[in-house]
């Protein structure tokens, strides 16, 4: 397998993981989310709040009957920065609120997991 194929497989694995984390059914399962988050996970949310793996699990697993529809995702792209590190960027939109997102996915123990995530509101809808 050549380097380009390896790059594409790494980016695809990160995108697949990212899309799973955006799935409401996955987010409702602490076990599923734990599998997708690196033990050293950190997030700077669109709200400005900082999360670690434990605190984000409390947010994602909270059951809310009035939860909004799932996010629409556009402009998803990725680049492999190193053999075990992928950077993804995309835009999410939910109820007219657009957020630019960036995440780093790290491969450890042969699994790709989100290591870092940041969401920045665009200020436009």
PDB file of N, CA and C in Angstrom:
ATOM      1  N   UNK A   1       0.845  -1.174   0.000  1.00  0.00           N
ATOM      2  CA  UNK A   1       0.000   0.000   0.000  1.00  0.00           C
ATOM      3  C   UNK A   1       0.892   1.238   0.000  1.00  0.00           C
ATOM      4  N   UNK A   2       0.572   2.203  -0.855  1.00  0.00           N
ATOM      5  CA  UNK A   2       1.405   3.400  -0.908  1.00  0.00           C
ATOM      6  C   UNK A   2       0.932   4.450   0.089  1.00  0.00           C
ATOM      7  N   UNK A   3       1.730   5.495   0.255  1.00  0.00           N
ATOM      8  CA  UNK A   3       1.431   6.541   1.236  1.00  0.00           C
ATOM      9  C   UNK A   3       0.102   7.227   1.004  1.00  0.00           C
ATOM     10  N   UNK A   4      -0.242   7.426  -0.254  1.00  0.00           N
ATOM     11  CA  UNK A   4      -1.519   8.094  -0.567  1.00  0.00           C
ATOM     12  C   UNK A   4      -2.698   7.251  -0.099  1.00  0.00           C
ATOM     13  N   UNK A   5      -2.616   5.937  -0.339  1.00  0.00           N
ATOM     14  CA  UNK A   5      -3.677   5.036   0.128  1.00  0.00           C
ATOM     15  C   UNK A   5      -3.780   5.056   1.652  1.00  0.00           C
ATOM     16  N   UNK A   6      -2.638   5.050   2.315  1.00  0.00           N
ATOM     17  CA  UNK A   6      -2.626   5.105   3.776  1.00  0.00           C
ATOM     18  C   UNK A   6      -3.235   6.411   4.273  1.00  0.00           C
ATOM     19  N   UNK A   7      -2.912   7.523   3.605  1.00  0.00           N
ATOM     20  CA  UNK A   7      -3.488   8.822   3.964  1.00  0.00           C
ATOM     21  C   UNK A   7      -5.008   8.774   3.833  1.00  0.00           C
ATOM     22  N   UNK A   8      -5.493   8.236   2.708  1.00  0.00           N
ATOM     23  CA  UNK A   8      -6.936   8.176   2.467  1.00  0.00           C
ATOM     24  C   UNK A   8      -7.634   7.281   3.485  1.00  0.00           C
ATOM     25  N   UNK A   9      -7.034   6.149   3.830  1.00  0.00           N
ATOM     26  CA  UNK A   9      -7.642   5.253   4.825  1.00  0.00           C
ATOM     27  C   UNK A   9      -7.691   5.914   6.199  1.00  0.00           C
ATOM     28  N   UNK A  10      -6.636   6.626   6.567  1.00  0.00           N
ATOM     29  CA  UNK A  10      -6.608   7.308   7.866  1.00  0.00           C
ATOM     30  C   UNK A  10      -7.670   8.404   7.925  1.00  0.00           C
ATOM     31  N   UNK A  11      -7.762   9.199   6.873  1.00  0.00           N
ATOM     32  CA  UNK A  11      -8.770  10.271   6.836  1.00  0.00           C
ATOM     33  C   UNK A  11     -10.175   9.666   6.852  1.00  0.00           C
ATOM     34  N   UNK A  12     -10.393   8.600   6.104  1.00  0.00           N
ATOM     35  CA  UNK A  12     -11.716   7.960   6.070  1.00  0.00           C
ATOM     36  C   UNK A  12     -12.095   7.430   7.453  1.00  0.00           C
ATOM     37  N   UNK A  13     -11.135   6.840   8.165  1.00  0.00           N
ATOM     38  CA  UNK A  13     -11.410   6.315   9.511  1.00  0.00           C
ATOM     39  C   UNK A  13     -11.806   7.456  10.450  1.00  0.00           C
ATOM     40  N   UNK A  14     -11.116   8.597  10.351  1.00  0.00           N
ATOM     41  CA  UNK A  14     -11.447   9.744  11.197  1.00  0.00           C
ATOM     42  C   UNK A  14     -12.823  10.306  10.842  1.00  0.00           C
ATOM     43  N   UNK A  15     -13.118  10.425   9.564  1.00  0.00           N
ATOM     44  CA  UNK A  15     -14.436  10.927   9.143  1.00  0.00           C
ATOM     45  C   UNK A  15     -15.538   9.983   9.626  1.00  0.00           C
ATOM     46  N   UNK A  16     -15.327   8.692   9.480  1.00  0.00           N
ATOM     47  CA  UNK A  16     -16.326   7.727   9.963  1.00  0.00           C
ATOM     48  C   UNK A  16     -16.574   7.905  11.460  1.00  0.00           C
ATOM     49  N   UNK A  17     -15.501   8.064  12.235  1.00  0.00           N
ATOM     50  CA  UNK A  17     -15.644   8.281  13.674  1.00  0.00           C
ATOM     51  C   UNK A  17     -16.371   9.571  13.992  1.00  0.00           C
ATOM     52  N   UNK A  18     -16.019  10.632  13.273  1.00  0.00           N
ATOM     53  CA  UNK A  18     -16.661  11.942  13.485  1.00  0.00           C
ATOM     54  C   UNK A  18     -18.158  11.841  13.228  1.00  0.00           C
ATOM     55  N   UNK A  19     -18.534  11.208  12.122  1.00  0.00           N
ATOM     56  CA  UNK A  19     -19.957  11.079  11.792  1.00  0.00           C
ATOM     57  C   UNK A  19     -20.694  10.234  12.821  1.00  0.00           C
ATOM     58  N   UNK A  20     -20.033   9.218  13.357  1.00  0.00           N
ATOM     59  CA  UNK A  20     -20.658   8.431  14.419  1.00  0.00           C
ATOM     60  C   UNK A  20     -20.921   9.303  15.644  1.00  0.00           C
ATOM     61  N   UNK A  21     -19.949  10.139  16.005  1.00  0.00           N
ATOM     62  CA  UNK A  21     -20.135  10.997  17.183  1.00  0.00           C
ATOM     63  C   UNK A  21     -21.253  12.022  16.994  1.00  0.00           C
ATOM     64  N   UNK A  22     -21.592  12.319  15.757  1.00  0.00           N
ATOM     65  CA  UNK A  22     -22.687  13.250  15.489  1.00  0.00           C
ATOM     66  C   UNK A  22     -24.046  12.559  15.465  1.00  0.00           C
ATOM     67  N   UNK A  23     -24.053  11.243  15.455  1.00  0.00           N
ATOM     68  CA  UNK A  23     -25.288  10.460  15.405  1.00  0.00           C
ATOM     69  C   UNK A  23     -25.952  10.475  16.786  1.00  0.00           C
ATOM     70  N   UNK A  24     -27.207  10.929  16.885  1.00  0.00           N
ATOM     71  CA  UNK A  24     -27.881  10.990  18.185  1.00  0.00           C
ATOM     72  C   UNK A  24     -27.945   9.646  18.917  1.00  0.00           C
ATOM     73  N   UNK A  25     -28.091   8.547  18.179  1.00  0.00           N
ATOM     74  CA  UNK A  25     -28.141   7.231  18.824  1.00  0.00           C
ATOM     75  C   UNK A  25     -26.798   6.873  19.455  1.00  0.00           C
ATOM     76  N   UNK A  26     -25.711   7.209  18.785  1.00  0.00           N
ATOM     77  CA  UNK A  26     -24.381   6.958  19.337  1.00  0.00           C
ATOM     78  C   UNK A  26     -24.143   7.866  20.543  1.00  0.00           C
ATOM     79  N   UNK A  27     -24.495   9.127  20.412  1.00  0.00           N
ATOM     80  CA  UNK A  27     -24.277  10.088  21.500  1.00  0.00           C
ATOM     81  C   UNK A  27     -25.038   9.694  22.765  1.00  0.00           C
ATOM     82  N   UNK A  28     -26.145   9.003  22.593  1.00  0.00           N
ATOM     83  CA  UNK A  28     -26.947   8.584  23.750  1.00  0.00           C
ATOM     84  C   UNK A  28     -26.327   7.398  24.488  1.00  0.00           C
ATOM     85  N   UNK A  29     -25.302   6.788  23.919  1.00  0.00           N
ATOM     86  CA  UNK A  29     -24.676   5.619  24.524  1.00  0.00           C
ATOM     87  C   UNK A  29     -23.286   5.983  25.067  1.00  0.00           C
ATOM     88  N   UNK A  30     -23.144   6.097  26.383  1.00  0.00           N
ATOM     89  CA  UNK A  30     -21.830   6.414  26.947  1.00  0.00           C
ATOM     90  C   UNK A  30     -20.751   5.425  26.511  1.00  0.00           C
ATOM     91  N   UNK A  31     -21.115   4.155  26.358  1.00  0.00           N
ATOM     92  CA  UNK A  31     -20.140   3.151  25.937  1.00  0.00           C
ATOM     93  C   UNK A  31     -19.649   3.429  24.519  1.00  0.00           C
ATOM     94  N   UNK A  32     -20.571   3.773  23.621  1.00  0.00           N
ATOM     95  CA  UNK A  32     -20.201   4.054  22.231  1.00  0.00           C
ATOM     96  C   UNK A  32     -19.334   5.309  22.145  1.00  0.00           C
ATOM     97  N   UNK A  33     -19.698   6.345  22.902  1.00  0.00           N
ATOM     98  CA  UNK A  33     -18.911   7.585  22.889  1.00  0.00           C
ATOM     99  C   UNK A  33     -17.523   7.337  23.474  1.00  0.00           C
ATOM    100  N   UNK A  34     -17.458   6.580  24.552  1.00  0.00           N
ATOM    101  CA  UNK A  34     -16.167   6.274  25.174  1.00  0.00           C
ATOM    102  C   UNK A  34     -15.234   5.589  24.184  1.00  0.00           C
ATOM    103  N   UNK A  35     -15.766   4.697  23.372  1.00  0.00           N
ATOM    104  CA  UNK A  35     -14.950   4.000  22.372  1.00  0.00           C
ATOM    105  C   UNK A  35     -14.365   4.954  21.338  1.00  0.00           C
ATOM    106  N   UNK A  36     -15.037   6.082  21.103  1.00  0.00           N
ATOM    107  CA  UNK A  36     -14.614   7.024  20.066  1.00  0.00           C
ATOM    108  C   UNK A  36     -13.765   8.174  20.593  1.00  0.00           C
ATOM    109  N   UNK A  37     -13.660   8.316  21.908  1.00  0.00           N
ATOM    110  CA  UNK A  37     -12.886   9.419  22.487  1.00  0.00           C
ATOM    111  C   UNK A  37     -11.582   8.912  23.088  1.00  0.00           C
ATOM    112  N   UNK A  38     -10.517   9.598  22.775  1.00  0.00           N
ATOM    113  CA  UNK A  38      -9.204   9.309  23.344  1.00  0.00           C
ATOM    114  C   UNK A  38      -9.261   9.541  24.857  1.00  0.00           C
ATOM    115  N   UNK A  39      -8.541   8.758  25.651  1.00  0.00           N
ATOM    116  CA  UNK A  39      -8.529   8.994  27.100  1.00  0.00           C
ATOM    117  C   UNK A  39      -8.083  10.411  27.479  1.00  0.00           C
ATOM    118  N   UNK A  40      -7.294  11.060  26.632  1.00  0.00           N
ATOM    119  CA  UNK A  40      -6.817  12.421  26.904  1.00  0.00           C
ATOM    120  C   UNK A  40      -7.633  13.481  26.169  1.00  0.00           C
ATOM    121  N   UNK A  41      -8.840  13.133  25.752  1.00  0.00           N
ATOM    122  CA  UNK A  41      -9.710  14.031  24.990  1.00  0.00           C
ATOM    123  C   UNK A  41      -9.923  15.378  25.679  1.00  0.00           C
ATOM    124  N   UNK A  42      -9.923  16.444  24.849  1.00  0.00           N
ATOM    125  CA  UNK A  42     -10.253  17.801  25.290  1.00  0.00           C
ATOM    126  C   UNK A  42     -11.099  18.453  24.198  1.00  0.00           C
ATOM    127  N   UNK A  43     -12.084  19.233  24.621  1.00  0.00           N
ATOM    128  CA  UNK A  43     -12.894  19.991  23.670  1.00  0.00           C
ATOM    129  C   UNK A  43     -13.069  21.408  24.173  1.00  0.00           C
ATOM    130  N   UNK A  44     -12.990  22.359  23.234  1.00  0.00           N
ATOM    131  CA  UNK A  44     -13.412  23.737  23.472  1.00  0.00           C
ATOM    132  C   UNK A  44     -14.686  23.890  22.661  1.00  0.00           C
ATOM    133  N   UNK A  45     -15.816  23.864  23.346  1.00  0.00           N
ATOM    134  CA  UNK A  45     -17.103  23.874  22.680  1.00  0.00           C
ATOM    135  C   UNK A  45     -17.472  25.216  22.089  1.00  0.00           C
ATOM    136  N   UNK A  46     -18.479  25.207  21.222  1.00  0.00           N
ATOM    137  CA  UNK A  46     -18.969  26.440  20.607  1.00  0.00           C
ATOM    138  C   UNK A  46     -19.478  27.410  21.664  1.00  0.00           C
ATOM    139  N   UNK A  47     -19.830  26.878  22.835  1.00  0.00           N
ATOM    140  CA  UNK A  47     -20.297  27.708  23.946  1.00  0.00           C
ATOM    141  C   UNK A  47     -19.138  28.421  24.643  1.00  0.00           C
ATOM    142  N   UNK A  48     -17.903  28.003  24.339  1.00  0.00           N
ATOM    143  CA  UNK A  48     -16.736  28.546  25.019  1.00  0.00           C
ATOM    144  C   UNK A  48     -16.307  27.700  26.207  1.00  0.00           C
ATOM    145  N   UNK A  49     -17.084  26.686  26.506  1.00  0.00           N
ATOM    146  CA  UNK A  49     -16.790  25.826  27.645  1.00  0.00           C
ATOM    147  C   UNK A  49     -15.735  24.773  27.289  1.00  0.00           C
ATOM    148  N   UNK A  50     -14.916  24.400  28.268  1.00  0.00           N
ATOM    149  CA  UNK A  50     -13.897  23.367  28.086  1.00  0.00           C
ATOM    150  C   UNK A  50     -14.433  22.055  28.659  1.00  0.00           C
ATOM    151  N   UNK A  51     -14.248  20.970  27.899  1.00  0.00           N
ATOM    152  CA  UNK A  51     -14.688  19.651  28.322  1.00  0.00           C
ATOM    153  C   UNK A  51     -13.510  18.682  28.289  1.00  0.00           C
ATOM    154  N   UNK A  52     -13.567  17.694  29.181  1.00  0.00           N
ATOM    155  CA  UNK A  52     -12.670  16.550  29.083  1.00  0.00           C
ATOM    156  C   UNK A  52     -13.546  15.339  28.794  1.00  0.00           C
ATOM    157  N   UNK A  53     -12.953  14.180  28.759  1.00  0.00           N
ATOM    158  CA  UNK A  53     -13.706  12.975  28.395  1.00  0.00           C
ATOM    159  C   UNK A  53     -14.870  12.722  29.352  1.00  0.00           C
ATOM    160  N   UNK A  54     -14.641  12.867  30.640  1.00  0.00           N
ATOM    161  CA  UNK A  54     -15.694  12.618  31.627  1.00  0.00           C
ATOM    162  C   UNK A  54     -16.836  13.616  31.498  1.00  0.00           C
ATOM    163  N   UNK A  55     -16.510  14.904  31.393  1.00  0.00           N
ATOM    164  CA  UNK A  55     -17.567  15.921  31.333  1.00  0.00           C
ATOM    165  C   UNK A  55     -18.345  15.868  30.020  1.00  0.00           C
ATOM    166  N   UNK A  56     -17.706  15.507  28.918  1.00  0.00           N
ATOM    167  CA  UNK A  56     -18.450  15.429  27.659  1.00  0.00           C
ATOM    168  C   UNK A  56     -19.389  14.234  27.659  1.00  0.00           C
ATOM    169  N   UNK A  57     -19.023  13.158  28.362  1.00  0.00           N
ATOM    170  CA  UNK A  57     -19.926  12.006  28.465  1.00  0.00           C
ATOM    171  C   UNK A  57     -21.215  12.381  29.182  1.00  0.00           C
ATOM    172  N   UNK A  58     -21.120  13.245  30.180  1.00  0.00           N
ATOM    173  CA  UNK A  58     -22.322  13.689  30.887  1.00  0.00           C
ATOM    174  C   UNK A  58     -23.229  14.477  29.949  1.00  0.00           C
ATOM    175  N   UNK A  59     -22.641  15.259  29.056  1.00  0.00           N
ATOM    176  CA  UNK A  59     -23.417  16.071  28.115  1.00  0.00           C
ATOM    177  C   UNK A  59     -24.036  15.200  27.027  1.00  0.00           C
ATOM    178  N   UNK A  60     -23.236  14.320  26.446  1.00  0.00           N
ATOM    179  CA  UNK A  60     -23.738  13.531  25.313  1.00  0.00           C
ATOM    180  C   UNK A  60     -24.764  12.492  25.726  1.00  0.00           C
ATOM    181  N   UNK A  61     -24.666  11.987  26.948  1.00  0.00           N
ATOM    182  CA  UNK A  61     -25.598  10.930  27.359  1.00  0.00           C
ATOM    183  C   UNK A  61     -26.850  11.458  28.042  1.00  0.00           C
ATOM    184  N   UNK A  62     -26.949  12.771  28.232  1.00  0.00           N
ATOM    185  CA  UNK A  62     -28.142  13.344  28.849  1.00  0.00           C
ATOM    186  C   UNK A  62     -29.340  13.097  27.935  1.00  0.00           C
ATOM    187  N   UNK A  63     -30.388  12.521  28.486  1.00  0.00           N
ATOM    188  CA  UNK A  63     -31.594  12.239  27.711  1.00  0.00           C
ATOM    189  C   UNK A  63     -32.460  13.488  27.717  1.00  0.00           C
ATOM    190  N   UNK A  64     -32.801  13.944  26.510  1.00  0.00           N
ATOM    191  CA  UNK A  64     -33.611  15.148  26.372  1.00  0.00           C
ATOM    192  C   UNK A  64     -34.648  14.906  25.289  1.00  0.00           C
ATOM    193  N   UNK A  65     -35.883  14.755  25.715  1.00  0.00           N
ATOM    194  CA  UNK A  65     -36.958  14.486  24.761  1.00  0.00           C
ATOM    195  C   UNK A  65     -37.132  15.628  23.768  1.00  0.00           C
ATOM    196  N   UNK A  66     -36.771  16.841  24.155  1.00  0.00           N
ATOM    197  CA  UNK A  66     -36.910  17.988  23.272  1.00  0.00           C
ATOM    198  C   UNK A  66     -35.630  18.297  22.525  1.00  0.00           C
ATOM    199  N   UNK A  67     -34.748  17.326  22.402  1.00  0.00           N
ATOM    200  CA  UNK A  67     -33.467  17.548  21.735  1.00  0.00           C
ATOM    201  C   UNK A  67     -33.694  17.965  20.289  1.00  0.00           C
ATOM    202  N   UNK A  68     -32.844  18.866  19.789  1.00  0.00           N
ATOM    203  CA  UNK A  68     -32.988  19.310  18.403  1.00  0.00           C
ATOM    204  C   UNK A  68     -32.640  18.189  17.425  1.00  0.00           C
ATOM    205  N   UNK A  69     -32.993  18.412  16.174  1.00  0.00           N
ATOM    206  CA  UNK A  69     -32.649  17.456  15.125  1.00  0.00           C
ATOM    207  C   UNK A  69     -31.133  17.311  15.031  1.00  0.00           C
ATOM    208  N   UNK A  70     -30.669  16.221  14.423  1.00  0.00           N
ATOM    209  CA  UNK A  70     -29.228  16.054  14.237  1.00  0.00           C
ATOM    210  C   UNK A  70     -28.641  17.172  13.378  1.00  0.00           C
ATOM    211  N   UNK A  71     -27.369  17.425  13.561  1.00  0.00           N
ATOM    212  CA  UNK A  71     -26.673  18.453  12.792  1.00  0.00           C
ATOM    213  C   UNK A  71     -26.552  18.054  11.333  1.00  0.00           C
ATOM    214  N   UNK A  72     -26.671  19.064  10.461  1.00  0.00           N
ATOM    215  CA  UNK A  72     -26.317  18.884   9.060  1.00  0.00           C
ATOM    216  C   UNK A  72     -24.825  19.190   8.958  1.00  0.00           C
ATOM    217  N   UNK A  73     -24.094  18.377   8.221  1.00  0.00           N
ATOM    218  CA  UNK A  73     -22.646  18.536   8.107  1.00  0.00           C
ATOM    219  C   UNK A  73     -22.289  18.841   6.664  1.00  0.00           C
ATOM    220  N   UNK A  74     -21.463  19.886   6.480  1.00  0.00           N
ATOM    221  CA  UNK A  74     -20.967  20.245   5.151  1.00  0.00           C
ATOM    222  C   UNK A  74     -19.475  20.538   5.246  1.00  0.00           C
ATOM    223  N   UNK A  75     -18.859  20.607   4.100  1.00  0.00           N
ATOM    224  CA  UNK A  75     -17.452  21.011   3.978  1.00  0.00           C
ATOM    225  C   UNK A  75     -16.493  20.109   4.752  1.00  0.00           C
ATOM    226  N   UNK A  76     -16.847  18.834   4.917  1.00  0.00           N
ATOM    227  CA  UNK A  76     -15.989  17.899   5.649  1.00  0.00           C
ATOM    228  C   UNK A  76     -14.740  17.604   4.824  1.00  0.00           C
ATOM    229  N   UNK A  77     -13.584  17.824   5.426  1.00  0.00           N
ATOM    230  CA  UNK A  77     -12.327  17.468   4.774  1.00  0.00           C
ATOM    231  C   UNK A  77     -11.313  17.094   5.834  1.00  0.00           C
ATOM    232  N   UNK A  78     -10.290  16.372   5.416  1.00  0.00           N
ATOM    233  CA  UNK A  78      -9.286  15.939   6.363  1.00  0.00           C
ATOM    234  C   UNK A  78      -7.929  15.800   5.725  1.00  0.00           C
ATOM    235  N   UNK A  79      -6.916  15.802   6.571  1.00  0.00           N
ATOM    236  CA  UNK A  79      -5.546  15.609   6.136  1.00  0.00           C
ATOM    237  C   UNK A  79      -4.807  14.806   7.201  1.00  0.00           C
ATOM    238  N   UNK A  80      -4.022  13.888   6.753  1.00  0.00           N
ATOM    239  CA  UNK A  80      -3.195  13.097   7.674  1.00  0.00           C
ATOM    240  C   UNK A  80      -1.930  13.893   7.953  1.00  0.00           C
ATOM    241  N   UNK A  81      -1.744  14.268   9.217  1.00  0.00           N
ATOM    242  CA  UNK A  81      -0.603  15.093   9.614  1.00  0.00           C
ATOM    243  C   UNK A  81       0.624  14.262   9.950  1.00  0.00           C
ATOM    244  N   UNK A  82       0.395  13.056  10.409  1.00  0.00           N
ATOM    245  CA  UNK A  82       1.453  12.132  10.808  1.00  0.00           C
ATOM    246  C   UNK A  82       0.858  10.733  10.713  1.00  0.00           C
ATOM    247  N   UNK A  83       1.677   9.679  10.816  1.00  0.00           N
ATOM    248  CA  UNK A  83       1.121   8.330  10.668  1.00  0.00           C
ATOM    249  C   UNK A  83      -0.084   8.048  11.556  1.00  0.00           C
ATOM    250  N   UNK A  84      -0.127   8.613  12.751  1.00  0.00           N
ATOM    251  CA  UNK A  84      -1.216   8.320  13.687  1.00  0.00           C
ATOM    252  C   UNK A  84      -2.014   9.561  14.077  1.00  0.00           C
ATOM    253  N   UNK A  85      -2.078  10.556  13.181  1.00  0.00           N
ATOM    254  CA  UNK A  85      -2.780  11.799  13.501  1.00  0.00           C
ATOM    255  C   UNK A  85      -3.455  12.373  12.265  1.00  0.00           C
ATOM    256  N   UNK A  86      -4.778  12.623  12.372  1.00  0.00           N
ATOM    257  CA  UNK A  86      -5.569  13.195  11.287  1.00  0.00           C
ATOM    258  C   UNK A  86      -6.266  14.448  11.794  1.00  0.00           C
ATOM    259  N   UNK A  87      -6.273  15.493  10.962  1.00  0.00           N
ATOM    260  CA  UNK A  87      -6.989  16.735  11.270  1.00  0.00           C
ATOM    261  C   UNK A  87      -8.207  16.833  10.353  1.00  0.00           C
ATOM    262  N   UNK A  88      -9.388  17.005  10.944  1.00  0.00           N
ATOM    263  CA  UNK A  88     -10.625  17.185  10.190  1.00  0.00           C
ATOM    264  C   UNK A  88     -11.172  18.586  10.411  1.00  0.00           C
ATOM    265  N   UNK A  89     -11.793  19.134   9.380  1.00  0.00           N
ATOM    266  CA  UNK A  89     -12.542  20.383   9.517  1.00  0.00           C
ATOM    267  C   UNK A  89     -13.877  20.204   8.809  1.00  0.00           C
ATOM    268  N   UNK A  90     -14.902  20.874   9.338  1.00  0.00           N
ATOM    269  CA  UNK A  90     -16.222  20.831   8.723  1.00  0.00           C
ATOM    270  C   UNK A  90     -17.091  21.919   9.336  1.00  0.00           C
ATOM    271  N   UNK A  91     -18.278  22.063   8.780  1.00  0.00           N
ATOM    272  CA  UNK A  91     -19.264  23.003   9.292  1.00  0.00           C
ATOM    273  C   UNK A  91     -20.489  22.194   9.695  1.00  0.00           C
ATOM    274  N   UNK A  92     -21.008  22.483  10.883  1.00  0.00           N
ATOM    275  CA  UNK A  92     -22.269  21.864  11.300  1.00  0.00           C
ATOM    276  C   UNK A  92     -23.320  22.960  11.377  1.00  0.00           C
ATOM    277  N   UNK A  93     -24.550  22.566  11.104  1.00  0.00           N
ATOM    278  CA  UNK A  93     -25.656  23.520  11.215  1.00  0.00           C
ATOM    279  C   UNK A  93     -26.827  22.811  11.857  1.00  0.00           C
ATOM    280  N   UNK A  94     -27.371  23.469  12.865  1.00  0.00           N
ATOM    281  CA  UNK A  94     -28.543  22.931  13.535  1.00  0.00           C
ATOM    282  C   UNK A  94     -29.447  24.107  13.901  1.00  0.00           C
ATOM    283  N   UNK A  95     -30.679  24.012  13.473  1.00  0.00           N
ATOM    284  CA  UNK A  95     -31.662  25.078  13.719  1.00  0.00           C
ATOM    285  C   UNK A  95     -31.130  26.449  13.311  1.00  0.00           C
ATOM    286  N   UNK A  96     -30.438  26.508  12.166  1.00  0.00           N
ATOM    287  CA  UNK A  96     -29.935  27.778  11.646  1.00  0.00           C
ATOM    288  C   UNK A  96     -28.634  28.260  12.259  1.00  0.00           C
ATOM    289  N   UNK A  97     -28.089  27.554  13.225  1.00  0.00           N
ATOM    290  CA  UNK A  97     -26.827  27.956  13.869  1.00  0.00           C
ATOM    291  C   UNK A  97     -25.670  27.197  13.226  1.00  0.00           C
ATOM    292  N   UNK A  98     -24.776  27.950  12.573  1.00  0.00           N
ATOM    293  CA  UNK A  98     -23.620  27.355  11.898  1.00  0.00           C
ATOM    294  C   UNK A  98     -22.387  27.439  12.805  1.00  0.00           C
ATOM    295  N   UNK A  99     -21.658  26.324  12.859  1.00  0.00           N
ATOM    296  CA  UNK A  99     -20.450  26.251  13.680  1.00  0.00           C
ATOM    297  C   UNK A  99     -19.341  25.618  12.853  1.00  0.00           C
ATOM    298  N   UNK A 100     -18.200  26.305  12.777  1.00  0.00           N
ATOM    299  CA  UNK A 100     -17.012  25.714  12.151  1.00  0.00           C
ATOM    300  C   UNK A 100     -16.362  24.800  13.174  1.00  0.00           C
ATOM    301  N   UNK A 101     -16.012  23.602  12.734  1.00  0.00           N
ATOM    302  CA  UNK A 101     -15.484  22.610  13.667  1.00  0.00           C
ATOM    303  C   UNK A 101     -14.145  22.073  13.176  1.00  0.00           C
ATOM    304  N   UNK A 102     -13.317  21.755  14.148  1.00  0.00           N
ATOM    305  CA  UNK A 102     -11.990  21.213  13.878  1.00  0.00           C
ATOM    306  C   UNK A 102     -11.722  20.122  14.899  1.00  0.00           C
ATOM    307  N   UNK A 103     -11.213  18.987  14.426  1.00  0.00           N
ATOM    308  CA  UNK A 103     -10.894  17.922  15.371  1.00  0.00           C
ATOM    309  C   UNK A 103      -9.617  17.207  14.951  1.00  0.00           C
ATOM    310  N   UNK A 104      -8.945  16.702  15.967  1.00  0.00           N
ATOM    311  CA  UNK A 104      -7.762  15.872  15.762  1.00  0.00           C
ATOM    312  C   UNK A 104      -8.114  14.459  16.186  1.00  0.00           C
ATOM    313  N   UNK A 105      -7.801  13.510  15.328  1.00  0.00           N
ATOM    314  CA  UNK A 105      -8.030  12.092  15.592  1.00  0.00           C
ATOM    315  C   UNK A 105      -6.679  11.412  15.711  1.00  0.00           C
ATOM    316  N   UNK A 106      -6.502  10.676  16.787  1.00  0.00           N
ATOM    317  CA  UNK A 106      -5.238  10.004  17.066  1.00  0.00           C
ATOM    318  C   UNK A 106      -5.470   8.494  17.095  1.00  0.00           C
ATOM    319  N   UNK A 107      -4.569   7.765  16.450  1.00  0.00           N
ATOM    320  CA  UNK A 107      -4.652   6.303  16.470  1.00  0.00           C
ATOM    321  C   UNK A 107      -3.772   5.772  17.595  1.00  0.00           C
ATOM    322  N   UNK A 108      -4.422   5.071  18.519  1.00  0.00           N
ATOM    323  CA  UNK A 108      -3.722   4.383  19.599  1.00  0.00           C
ATOM    324  C   UNK A 108      -4.339   3.007  19.727  1.00  0.00           C
ATOM    325  N   UNK A 109      -3.550   2.034  20.072  1.00  0.00           N
ATOM    326  CA  UNK A 109      -4.042   0.661  20.193  1.00  0.00           C
ATOM    327  C   UNK A 109      -4.811   0.230  18.945  1.00  0.00           C
ATOM    328  N   UNK A 110      -4.333   0.657  17.782  1.00  0.00           N
ATOM    329  CA  UNK A 110      -4.931   0.319  16.476  1.00  0.00           C
ATOM    330  C   UNK A 110      -6.332   0.883  16.274  1.00  0.00           C
ATOM    331  N   UNK A 111      -6.740   1.845  17.099  1.00  0.00           N
ATOM    332  CA  UNK A 111      -8.066   2.459  16.952  1.00  0.00           C
ATOM    333  C   UNK A 111      -7.936   3.971  16.810  1.00  0.00           C
ATOM    334  N   UNK A 112      -8.757   4.529  15.921  1.00  0.00           N
ATOM    335  CA  UNK A 112      -8.808   5.975  15.762  1.00  0.00           C
ATOM    336  C   UNK A 112      -9.810   6.537  16.753  1.00  0.00           C
ATOM    337  N   UNK A 113      -9.363   7.533  17.524  1.00  0.00           N
ATOM    338  CA  UNK A 113     -10.231   8.192  18.510  1.00  0.00           C
ATOM    339  C   UNK A 113     -10.006   9.697  18.465  1.00  0.00           C
ATOM    340  N   UNK A 114     -11.062  10.426  18.781  1.00  0.00           N
ATOM    341  CA  UNK A 114     -10.956  11.881  18.805  1.00  0.00           C
ATOM    342  C   UNK A 114     -10.103  12.308  20.005  1.00  0.00           C
ATOM    343  N   UNK A 115      -9.070  13.070  19.712  1.00  0.00           N
ATOM    344  CA  UNK A 115      -8.153  13.565  20.732  1.00  0.00           C
ATOM    345  C   UNK A 115      -8.501  15.001  21.144  1.00  0.00           C
ATOM    346  N   UNK A 116      -8.912  15.817  20.159  1.00  0.00           N
ATOM    347  CA  UNK A 116      -9.219  17.226  20.418  1.00  0.00           C
ATOM    348  C   UNK A 116     -10.332  17.668  19.485  1.00  0.00           C
ATOM    349  N   UNK A 117     -11.189  18.550  19.991  1.00  0.00           N
ATOM    350  CA  UNK A 117     -12.263  19.112  19.168  1.00  0.00           C
ATOM    351  C   UNK A 117     -12.498  20.564  19.570  1.00  0.00           C
ATOM    352  N   UNK A 118     -12.786  21.392  18.562  1.00  0.00           N
ATOM    353  CA  UNK A 118     -13.147  22.778  18.834  1.00  0.00           C
ATOM    354  C   UNK A 118     -14.262  23.190  17.899  1.00  0.00           C
ATOM    355  N   UNK A 119     -15.247  23.901  18.453  1.00  0.00           N
ATOM    356  CA  UNK A 119     -16.335  24.454  17.658  1.00  0.00           C
ATOM    357  C   UNK A 119     -16.368  25.960  17.813  1.00  0.00           C
ATOM    358  N   UNK A 120     -16.440  26.678  16.684  1.00  0.00           N
ATOM    359  CA  UNK A 120     -16.467  28.144  16.702  1.00  0.00           C
ATOM    360  C   UNK A 120     -17.680  28.621  15.923  1.00  0.00           C
ATOM    361  N   UNK A 121     -18.637  29.291  16.579  1.00  0.00           N
ATOM    362  CA  UNK A 121     -19.804  29.796  15.857  1.00  0.00           C
ATOM    363  C   UNK A 121     -19.386  30.763  14.751  1.00  0.00           C
ATOM    364  N   UNK A 122     -20.080  30.691  13.605  1.00  0.00           N
ATOM    365  CA  UNK A 122     -19.733  31.566  12.495  1.00  0.00           C
ATOM    366  C   UNK A 122     -20.345  32.954  12.634  1.00  0.00           C
ATOM    367  N   UNK A 123     -21.382  33.066  13.457  1.00  0.00           N
ATOM    368  CA  UNK A 123     -22.046  34.357  13.594  1.00  0.00           C
ATOM    369  C   UNK A 123     -23.059  34.617  12.495  1.00  0.00           C
ATOM    370  N   UNK A 124     -23.181  33.660  11.571  1.00  0.00           N
ATOM    371  CA  UNK A 124     -24.173  33.799  10.497  1.00  0.00           C
ATOM    372  C   UNK A 124     -25.042  32.562  10.469  1.00  0.00           C
ATOM    373  N   UNK A 125     -26.217  32.727   9.939  1.00  0.00           N
ATOM    374  CA  UNK A 125     -27.082  31.564   9.782  1.00  0.00           C
ATOM    375  C   UNK A 125     -27.510  31.433   8.358  1.00  0.00           C
TER     376      UNK A 125
END
